[in-house]
PDB file of N, CA and C in Angstrom:
ATOM      1  N   MET A   1      90.602 133.504  64.788  1.00  0.00           N
ATOM      2  CA  MET A   1      90.114 132.290  64.879  1.00  0.00           C
ATOM      3  C   MET A   1      88.600 131.968  66.142  1.00  0.00           C
ATOM      4  N   CYS A   2      89.381 132.571  66.886  1.00  0.00           N
ATOM      5  CA  CYS A   2      88.244 132.224  68.237  1.00  0.00           C
ATOM      6  C   CYS A   2      86.839 133.450  67.322  1.00  0.00           C
ATOM      7  N   ARG A   3      87.234 134.669  67.017  1.00  0.00           N
ATOM      8  CA  ARG A   3      86.236 135.450  66.498  1.00  0.00           C
ATOM      9  C   ARG A   3      85.196 134.390  65.403  1.00  0.00           C
ATOM     10  N   TRP A   4      86.059 133.455  64.941  1.00  0.00           N
ATOM     11  CA  TRP A   4      85.493 133.302  63.556  1.00  0.00           C
ATOM     12  C   TRP A   4      84.275 132.420  63.935  1.00  0.00           C
ATOM     13  N   LEU A   5      84.961 131.114  65.162  1.00  0.00           N
ATOM     14  CA  LEU A   5      84.475 130.232  65.740  1.00  0.00           C
ATOM     15  C   LEU A   5      83.189 131.020  67.308  1.00  0.00           C
ATOM     16  N   ASN A   6      83.398 132.258  67.154  1.00  0.00           N
ATOM     17  CA  ASN A   6      82.551 133.274  68.223  1.00  0.00           C
ATOM     18  C   ASN A   6      82.493 132.754  69.659  1.00  0.00           C
ATOM     19  N   ILE A   7      83.672 132.084  69.702  1.00  0.00           N
ATOM     20  CA  ILE A   7      84.373 131.762  71.280  1.00  0.00           C
ATOM     21  C   ILE A   7      85.124 132.882  72.104  1.00  0.00           C
ATOM     22  N   PRO A   8      84.782 132.724  73.402  1.00  0.00           N
ATOM     23  CA  PRO A   8      85.704 133.379  73.998  1.00  0.00           C
ATOM     24  C   PRO A   8      87.673 132.734  73.904  1.00  0.00           C
ATOM     25  N   ARG A   9      88.253 134.100  74.047  1.00  0.00           N
ATOM     26  CA  ARG A   9      89.857 133.271  74.091  1.00  0.00           C
ATOM     27  C   ARG A   9      90.320 132.552  75.199  1.00  0.00           C
ATOM     28  N   SER A  10      89.566 132.678  76.557  1.00  0.00           N
ATOM     29  CA  SER A  10      89.608 131.876  77.753  1.00  0.00           C
ATOM     30  C   SER A  10      89.554 130.476  77.491  1.00  0.00           C
ATOM     31  N   ASN A  11      88.226 129.995  76.623  1.00  0.00           N
ATOM     32  CA  ASN A  11      88.027 129.130  76.220  1.00  0.00           C
ATOM     33  C   ASN A  11      89.322 128.026  75.520  1.00  0.00           C
ATOM     34  N   TYR A  12      89.818 128.586  74.793  1.00  0.00           N
ATOM     35  CA  TYR A  12      90.889 128.360  73.943  1.00  0.00           C
ATOM     36  C   TYR A  12      91.446 127.984  74.653  1.00  0.00           C
ATOM     37  N   TYR A  13      92.262 128.857  75.764  1.00  0.00           N
ATOM     38  CA  TYR A  13      93.639 129.100  76.537  1.00  0.00           C
ATOM     39  C   TYR A  13      93.320 127.735  77.612  1.00  0.00           C
ATOM     40  N   TYR A  14      92.214 127.576  77.733  1.00  0.00           N
ATOM     41  CA  TYR A  14      91.861 127.111  79.002  1.00  0.00           C
ATOM     42  C   TYR A  14      92.310 125.398  79.239  1.00  0.00           C
ATOM     43  N   GLN A  15      92.885 124.660  80.035  1.00  0.00           N
ATOM     44  CA  GLN A  15      93.729 123.445  80.514  1.00  0.00           C
ATOM     45  C   GLN A  15      92.764 123.457  81.481  1.00  0.00           C
ATOM     46  N   ALA A  16      92.292 121.876  81.169  1.00  0.00           N
ATOM     47  CA  ALA A  16      91.870 121.093  82.652  1.00  0.00           C
ATOM     48  C   ALA A  16      92.278 120.549  83.322  1.00  0.00           C
ATOM     49  N   VAL A  17      92.323 120.301  84.925  1.00  0.00           N
ATOM     50  CA  VAL A  17      92.814 120.020  85.917  1.00  0.00           C
ATOM     51  C   VAL A  17      92.055 118.694  85.961  1.00  0.00           C
ATOM     52  N   ASP A  18      92.604 117.669  86.369  1.00  0.00           N
ATOM     53  CA  ASP A  18      92.067 116.416  86.848  1.00  0.00           C
ATOM     54  C   ASP A  18      92.142 116.789  88.230  1.00  0.00           C
ATOM     55  N   PRO A  19      91.025 116.145  88.510  1.00  0.00           N
ATOM     56  CA  PRO A  19      90.701 116.313  90.641  1.00  0.00           C
ATOM     57  C   PRO A  19      91.140 115.028  90.934  1.00  0.00           C
ATOM     58  N   VAL A  20      92.054 115.660  92.087  1.00  0.00           N
ATOM     59  CA  VAL A  20      92.498 114.275  92.921  1.00  0.00           C
ATOM     60  C   VAL A  20      91.453 113.822  93.921  1.00  0.00           C
ATOM     61  N   SER A  21      91.372 112.296  94.335  1.00  0.00           N
ATOM     62  CA  SER A  21      90.134 111.799  94.576  1.00  0.00           C
ATOM     63  C   SER A  21      90.540 112.649  96.288  1.00  0.00           C
ATOM     64  N   GLU A  22      89.424 112.707  96.739  1.00  0.00           N
ATOM     65  CA  GLU A  22      89.766 113.001  98.633  1.00  0.00           C
ATOM     66  C   GLU A  22      90.519 111.345  99.183  1.00  0.00           C
ATOM     67  N   ALA A  23      90.686 110.635  98.989  1.00  0.00           N
ATOM     68  CA  ALA A  23      91.025 109.034  99.520  1.00  0.00           C
ATOM     69  C   ALA A  23      92.819 109.256  99.189  1.00  0.00           C
ATOM     70  N   ASP A  24      93.065 110.052  98.259  1.00  0.00           N
ATOM     71  CA  ASP A  24      94.490 110.364  97.545  1.00  0.00           C
ATOM     72  C   ASP A  24      95.216 111.064  98.519  1.00  0.00           C
ATOM     73  N   LEU A  25      93.913 112.362  98.769  1.00  0.00           N
ATOM     74  CA  LEU A  25      94.343 113.758  99.175  1.00  0.00           C
ATOM     75  C   LEU A  25      95.204 113.082 100.598  1.00  0.00           C
ATOM     76  N   GLU A  26      93.817 112.721 101.516  1.00  0.00           N
ATOM     77  CA  GLU A  26      94.353 112.166 102.782  1.00  0.00           C
ATOM     78  C   GLU A  26      95.585 111.260 103.034  1.00  0.00           C
ATOM     79  N   ASP A  27      95.653 110.211 102.437  1.00  0.00           N
ATOM     80  CA  ASP A  27      96.712 109.297 101.880  1.00  0.00           C
ATOM     81  C   ASP A  27      98.101 110.115 101.992  1.00  0.00           C
ATOM     82  N   LYS A  28      97.901 111.135 101.028  1.00  0.00           N
ATOM     83  CA  LYS A  28      99.238 111.677 101.059  1.00  0.00           C
ATOM     84  C   LYS A  28      99.449 112.928 102.004  1.00  0.00           C
ATOM     85  N   ILE A  29      98.530 113.391 102.357  1.00  0.00           N
ATOM     86  CA  ILE A  29      98.566 114.531 103.681  1.00  0.00           C
ATOM     87  C   ILE A  29      99.149 113.042 104.603  1.00  0.00           C
ATOM     88  N   THR A  30      98.511 112.409 105.293  1.00  0.00           N
ATOM     89  CA  THR A  30      98.926 111.489 105.978  1.00  0.00           C
ATOM     90  C   THR A  30     100.414 110.977 106.088  1.00  0.00           C
ATOM     91  N   TYR A  31     101.016 110.777 105.043  1.00  0.00           N
ATOM     92  CA  TYR A  31     102.096 110.505 104.574  1.00  0.00           C
ATOM     93  C   TYR A  31     103.333 111.148 105.197  1.00  0.00           C
ATOM     94  N   ILE A  32     103.075 112.387 104.201  1.00  0.00           N
ATOM     95  CA  ILE A  32     104.006 113.851 104.785  1.00  0.00           C
ATOM     96  C   ILE A  32     104.226 114.373 106.447  1.00  0.00           C
ATOM     97  N   PHE A  33     102.842 114.204 106.681  1.00  0.00           N
ATOM     98  CA  PHE A  33     102.715 114.295 108.255  1.00  0.00           C
ATOM     99  C   PHE A  33     103.885 113.216 108.831  1.00  0.00           C
ATOM    100  N   PHE A  34     103.403 111.903 108.951  1.00  0.00           N
ATOM    101  CA  PHE A  34     104.187 111.240 109.841  1.00  0.00           C
ATOM    102  C   PHE A  34     106.015 111.197 109.023  1.00  0.00           C
ATOM    103  N   GLU A  35     106.061 111.536 107.522  1.00  0.00           N
ATOM    104  CA  GLU A  35     107.490 111.290 107.556  1.00  0.00           C
ATOM    105  C   GLU A  35     108.071 113.098 107.831  1.00  0.00           C
ATOM    106  N   SER A  36     107.743 113.754 108.548  1.00  0.00           N
ATOM    107  CA  SER A  36     107.828 114.550 109.254  1.00  0.00           C
ATOM    108  C   SER A  36     107.769 114.512 110.796  1.00  0.00           C
ATOM    109  N   LYS A  37     107.747 113.396 111.096  1.00  0.00           N
ATOM    110  CA  LYS A  37     107.853 112.828 112.587  1.00  0.00           C
ATOM    111  C   LYS A  37     106.674 113.463 113.341  1.00  0.00           C
ATOM    112  N   SER A  38     105.660 114.221 112.613  1.00  0.00           N
ATOM    113  CA  SER A  38     104.166 114.738 113.245  1.00  0.00           C
ATOM    114  C   SER A  38     104.803 115.759 113.498  1.00  0.00           C
ATOM    115  N   ARG A  39     105.551 116.669 112.998  1.00  0.00           N
ATOM    116  CA  ARG A  39     106.091 117.927 113.274  1.00  0.00           C
ATOM    117  C   ARG A  39     105.412 119.019 111.985  1.00  0.00           C
ATOM    118  N   TYR A  40     105.001 118.866 111.134  1.00  0.00           N
ATOM    119  CA  TYR A  40     104.466 119.582 110.149  1.00  0.00           C
ATOM    120  C   TYR A  40     103.056 120.096 110.102  1.00  0.00           C
ATOM    121  N   GLY A  41     102.345 121.435 110.181  1.00  0.00           N
ATOM    122  CA  GLY A  41     100.933 121.929 110.256  1.00  0.00           C
ATOM    123  C   GLY A  41     100.643 122.220 108.854  1.00  0.00           C
ATOM    124  N   ALA A  42      99.556 122.269 108.680  1.00  0.00           N
ATOM    125  CA  ALA A  42      99.199 122.705 107.391  1.00  0.00           C
ATOM    126  C   ALA A  42      99.820 123.791 107.319  1.00  0.00           C
ATOM    127  N   ARG A  43     100.525 124.183 106.651  1.00  0.00           N
ATOM    128  CA  ARG A  43     101.380 125.336 106.058  1.00  0.00           C
ATOM    129  C   ARG A  43     102.344 124.823 105.557  1.00  0.00           C
ATOM    130  N   LYS A  44     103.393 123.739 106.280  1.00  0.00           N
ATOM    131  CA  LYS A  44     104.141 123.174 105.736  1.00  0.00           C
ATOM    132  C   LYS A  44     103.974 122.188 104.965  1.00  0.00           C
ATOM    133  N   ILE A  45     102.941 121.072 105.200  1.00  0.00           N
ATOM    134  CA  ILE A  45     102.212 120.287 103.842  1.00  0.00           C
ATOM    135  C   ILE A  45     101.709 120.999 103.481  1.00  0.00           C
ATOM    136  N   LYS A  46     101.073 122.311 102.939  1.00  0.00           N
ATOM    137  CA  LYS A  46     100.591 123.014 101.561  1.00  0.00           C
ATOM    138  C   LYS A  46     101.600 122.902 100.801  1.00  0.00           C
ATOM    139  N   LYS A  47     103.090 123.301 101.474  1.00  0.00           N
ATOM    140  CA  LYS A  47     104.202 123.694 100.657  1.00  0.00           C
ATOM    141  C   LYS A  47     104.729 122.409 100.074  1.00  0.00           C
ATOM    142  N   CYS A  48     104.832 121.425 100.917  1.00  0.00           N
ATOM    143  CA  CYS A  48     104.751 120.268 100.349  1.00  0.00           C
ATOM    144  C   CYS A  48     104.409 119.614  99.080  1.00  0.00           C
ATOM    145  N   LEU A  49     102.810 119.632  99.403  1.00  0.00           N
ATOM    146  CA  LEU A  49     102.045 119.211  98.335  1.00  0.00           C
ATOM    147  C   LEU A  49     102.262 120.173  97.481  1.00  0.00           C
ATOM    148  N   GLU A  50     102.220 121.725  97.519  1.00  0.00           N
ATOM    149  CA  GLU A  50     102.643 122.457  95.886  1.00  0.00           C
ATOM    150  C   GLU A  50     104.062 122.019  95.143  1.00  0.00           C
ATOM    151  N   ASN A  51     104.861 121.542  96.119  1.00  0.00           N
ATOM    152  CA  ASN A  51     105.952 121.027  95.444  1.00  0.00           C
ATOM    153  C   ASN A  51     105.647 119.856  94.380  1.00  0.00           C
ATOM    154  N   GLU A  52     104.916 119.014  94.780  1.00  0.00           N
ATOM    155  CA  GLU A  52     104.210 118.104  93.797  1.00  0.00           C
ATOM    156  C   GLU A  52     103.375 118.283  93.033  1.00  0.00           C
ATOM    157  N   GLY A  53     102.988 119.392  92.644  1.00  0.00           N
ATOM    158  CA  GLY A  53     102.191 120.193  92.318  1.00  0.00           C
ATOM    159  C   GLY A  53     100.497 119.851  92.008  1.00  0.00           C
ATOM    160  N   ILE A  54     100.608 119.842  93.602  1.00  0.00           N
ATOM    161  CA  ILE A  54      99.004 119.655  94.253  1.00  0.00           C
ATOM    162  C   ILE A  54      98.410 121.400  94.897  1.00  0.00           C
ATOM    163  N   ILE A  55      98.130 121.759  94.402  1.00  0.00           N
ATOM    164  CA  ILE A  55      97.209 122.947  94.556  1.00  0.00           C
ATOM    165  C   ILE A  55      95.797 122.716  95.913  1.00  0.00           C
ATOM    166  N   LEU A  56      95.570 122.801  96.922  1.00  0.00           N
ATOM    167  CA  LEU A  56      95.027 123.491  98.117  1.00  0.00           C
ATOM    168  C   LEU A  56      94.834 123.592  98.471  1.00  0.00           C
ATOM    169  N   SER A  57      94.305 124.591  99.328  1.00  0.00           N
ATOM    170  CA  SER A  57      94.438 125.639 100.217  1.00  0.00           C
ATOM    171  C   SER A  57      94.507 125.387 101.708  1.00  0.00           C
ATOM    172  N   ARG A  58      95.062 126.112 102.749  1.00  0.00           N
ATOM    173  CA  ARG A  58      95.204 125.723 103.647  1.00  0.00           C
ATOM    174  C   ARG A  58      94.672 125.253 104.907  1.00  0.00           C
ATOM    175  N   ARG A  59      93.194 125.784 104.692  1.00  0.00           N
ATOM    176  CA  ARG A  59      91.991 125.498 105.069  1.00  0.00           C
ATOM    177  C   ARG A  59      91.922 124.319 104.889  1.00  0.00           C
ATOM    178  N   ARG A  60      91.189 123.662 103.900  1.00  0.00           N
ATOM    179  CA  ARG A  60      90.868 122.252 103.200  1.00  0.00           C
ATOM    180  C   ARG A  60      91.984 121.294 103.895  1.00  0.00           C
ATOM    181  N   ILE A  61      93.305 121.774 103.634  1.00  0.00           N
ATOM    182  CA  ILE A  61      94.376 120.790 104.377  1.00  0.00           C
ATOM    183  C   ILE A  61      94.064 120.749 105.628  1.00  0.00           C
ATOM    184  N   ARG A  62      93.725 121.559 106.787  1.00  0.00           N
ATOM    185  CA  ARG A  62      93.636 121.284 108.142  1.00  0.00           C
ATOM    186  C   ARG A  62      92.103 121.335 108.250  1.00  0.00           C
ATOM    187  N   ARG A  63      91.021 121.119 107.414  1.00  0.00           N
ATOM    188  CA  ARG A  63      89.717 120.176 107.701  1.00  0.00           C
ATOM    189  C   ARG A  63      90.173 118.298 107.889  1.00  0.00           C
ATOM    190  N   ILE A  64      91.321 118.096 106.492  1.00  0.00           N
ATOM    191  CA  ILE A  64      91.169 116.951 106.433  1.00  0.00           C
ATOM    192  C   ILE A  64      92.137 116.493 107.480  1.00  0.00           C
ATOM    193  N   MET A  65      93.219 117.337 107.977  1.00  0.00           N
ATOM    194  CA  MET A  65      94.097 116.578 109.623  1.00  0.00           C
ATOM    195  C   MET A  65      93.025 116.905 110.534  1.00  0.00           C
ATOM    196  N   GLU A  66      92.215 117.416 110.562  1.00  0.00           N
ATOM    197  CA  GLU A  66      90.900 117.279 111.913  1.00  0.00           C
ATOM    198  C   GLU A  66      90.660 116.066 111.331  1.00  0.00           C
ATOM    199  N   ARG A  67      90.311 116.094 110.428  1.00  0.00           N
ATOM    200  CA  ARG A  67      88.971 114.730 110.050  1.00  0.00           C
ATOM    201  C   ARG A  67      89.935 112.921 111.091  1.00  0.00           C
ATOM    202  N   LEU A  68      91.487 113.206 110.447  1.00  0.00           N
ATOM    203  CA  LEU A  68      91.993 112.291 110.511  1.00  0.00           C
ATOM    204  C   LEU A  68      92.717 112.182 111.939  1.00  0.00           C
ATOM    205  N   HIS A  69      92.330 113.404 112.881  1.00  0.00           N
ATOM    206  CA  HIS A  69      92.953 113.695 114.198  1.00  0.00           C
ATOM    207  C   HIS A  69      94.298 113.938 114.042  1.00  0.00           C
ATOM    208  N   LEU A  70      95.015 114.367 112.881  1.00  0.00           N
ATOM    209  CA  LEU A  70      96.309 114.541 113.005  1.00  0.00           C
ATOM    210  C   LEU A  70      96.843 115.691 113.341  1.00  0.00           C
ATOM    211  N   VAL A  71      97.513 116.135 115.213  1.00  0.00           N
ATOM    212  CA  VAL A  71      97.831 117.124 115.609  1.00  0.00           C
ATOM    213  C   VAL A  71      99.407 117.055 115.370  1.00  0.00           C
ATOM    214  N   SER A  72      99.796 118.523 114.767  1.00  0.00           N
ATOM    215  CA  SER A  72     101.714 118.817 114.810  1.00  0.00           C
ATOM    216  C   SER A  72     101.919 118.909 116.224  1.00  0.00           C
ATOM    217  N   VAL A  73     102.984 118.646 116.741  1.00  0.00           N
ATOM    218  CA  VAL A  73     103.518 118.652 117.764  1.00  0.00           C
ATOM    219  C   VAL A  73     104.425 120.161 117.976  1.00  0.00           C
ATOM    220  N   TYR A  74     104.418 120.554 118.687  1.00  0.00           N
ATOM    221  CA  TYR A  74     105.043 122.027 118.583  1.00  0.00           C
ATOM    222  C   TYR A  74     105.643 121.629 120.492  1.00  0.00           C
ATOM    223  N   GLN A  75     106.671 123.411 120.353  1.00  0.00           N
ATOM    224  CA  GLN A  75     107.275 123.204 121.675  1.00  0.00           C
ATOM    225  C   GLN A  75     106.330 124.297 121.995  1.00  0.00           C
ATOM    226  N   LYS A  76     106.094 124.335 123.863  1.00  0.00           N
ATOM    227  CA  LYS A  76     105.306 125.489 124.454  1.00  0.00           C
ATOM    228  C   LYS A  76     106.234 126.753 124.780  1.00  0.00           C
ATOM    229  N   ALA A  77     105.872 127.778 124.711  1.00  0.00           N
ATOM    230  CA  ALA A  77     106.244 128.878 124.645  1.00  0.00           C
ATOM    231  C   ALA A  77     106.918 128.434 126.621  1.00  0.00           C
ATOM    232  N   ALA A  78     108.406 129.113 126.705  1.00  0.00           N
ATOM    233  CA  ALA A  78     108.639 129.222 128.228  1.00  0.00           C
ATOM    234  C   ALA A  78     107.727 130.527 129.085  1.00  0.00           C
ATOM    235  N   PHE A  79     107.642 129.913 130.389  1.00  0.00           N
ATOM    236  CA  PHE A  79     106.719 130.996 131.314  1.00  0.00           C
ATOM    237  C   PHE A  79     107.728 132.093 131.308  1.00  0.00           C
ATOM    238  N   LYS A  80     107.170 133.293 131.305  1.00  0.00           N
ATOM    239  CA  LYS A  80     108.281 134.595 131.745  1.00  0.00           C
ATOM    240  C   LYS A  80     107.505 135.519 132.289  1.00  0.00           C
ATOM    241  N   GLY A  81     107.085 134.966 133.743  1.00  0.00           N
ATOM    242  CA  GLY A  81     107.123 136.347 134.514  1.00  0.00           C
ATOM    243  C   GLY A  81     107.093 137.441 134.607  1.00  0.00           C
ATOM    244  N   THR A  82     106.520 138.436 135.326  1.00  0.00           N
ATOM    245  CA  THR A  82     106.885 139.833 135.425  1.00  0.00           C
ATOM    246  C   THR A  82     108.082 140.075 136.375  1.00  0.00           C
ATOM    247  N   VAL A  83     108.624 141.058 136.468  1.00  0.00           N
ATOM    248  CA  VAL A  83     109.637 141.153 137.826  1.00  0.00           C
ATOM    249  C   VAL A  83     109.181 142.938 137.979  1.00  0.00           C
ATOM    250  N   ASN A  84     108.893 142.829 139.375  1.00  0.00           N
ATOM    251  CA  ASN A  84     108.495 144.256 139.848  1.00  0.00           C
ATOM    252  C   ASN A  84     109.904 145.181 140.042  1.00  0.00           C
ATOM    253  N   ASN A  85     109.710 146.035 139.483  1.00  0.00           N
ATOM    254  CA  ASN A  85     110.661 147.051 139.604  1.00  0.00           C
ATOM    255  C   ASN A  85     110.317 148.020 141.054  1.00  0.00           C
ATOM    256  N   PHE A  86     111.300 147.828 142.055  1.00  0.00           N
ATOM    257  CA  PHE A  86     111.300 149.235 143.047  1.00  0.00           C
ATOM    258  C   PHE A  86     111.963 150.005 142.715  1.00  0.00           C
ATOM    259  N   VAL A  87     111.172 151.195 143.111  1.00  0.00           N
ATOM    260  CA  VAL A  87     112.344 152.363 142.525  1.00  0.00           C
ATOM    261  C   VAL A  87     112.728 153.269 143.643  1.00  0.00           C
TER     262      VAL A  87
END
C-alpha cells in the first residue's frame, strides 16, 4: 500500500506524541521533588516521569530544576584522613 501511495513505511507507522507544556513539566517536577522531601535529584525524577509516560532527558530536568532553584539534599561524605605508617 505504501508503495502504491509512494510514501515511506515510516510515515505509515508514525505516531505523533502530544507535547507537554513547559508549565506542566515544571509543576510535575516540583511536585515530585517536594513529595520526596527534597531528596530526589534529576535521575530519580526522570524515572518517576518515565513511569508516568513522560520522556525527558536528564539535562532538561536539571535545567528546569536549576531555573526553579530546586537543590536536592544529600549527605556529605565523612572526612577520612590519612594515617602515617611508621615502619
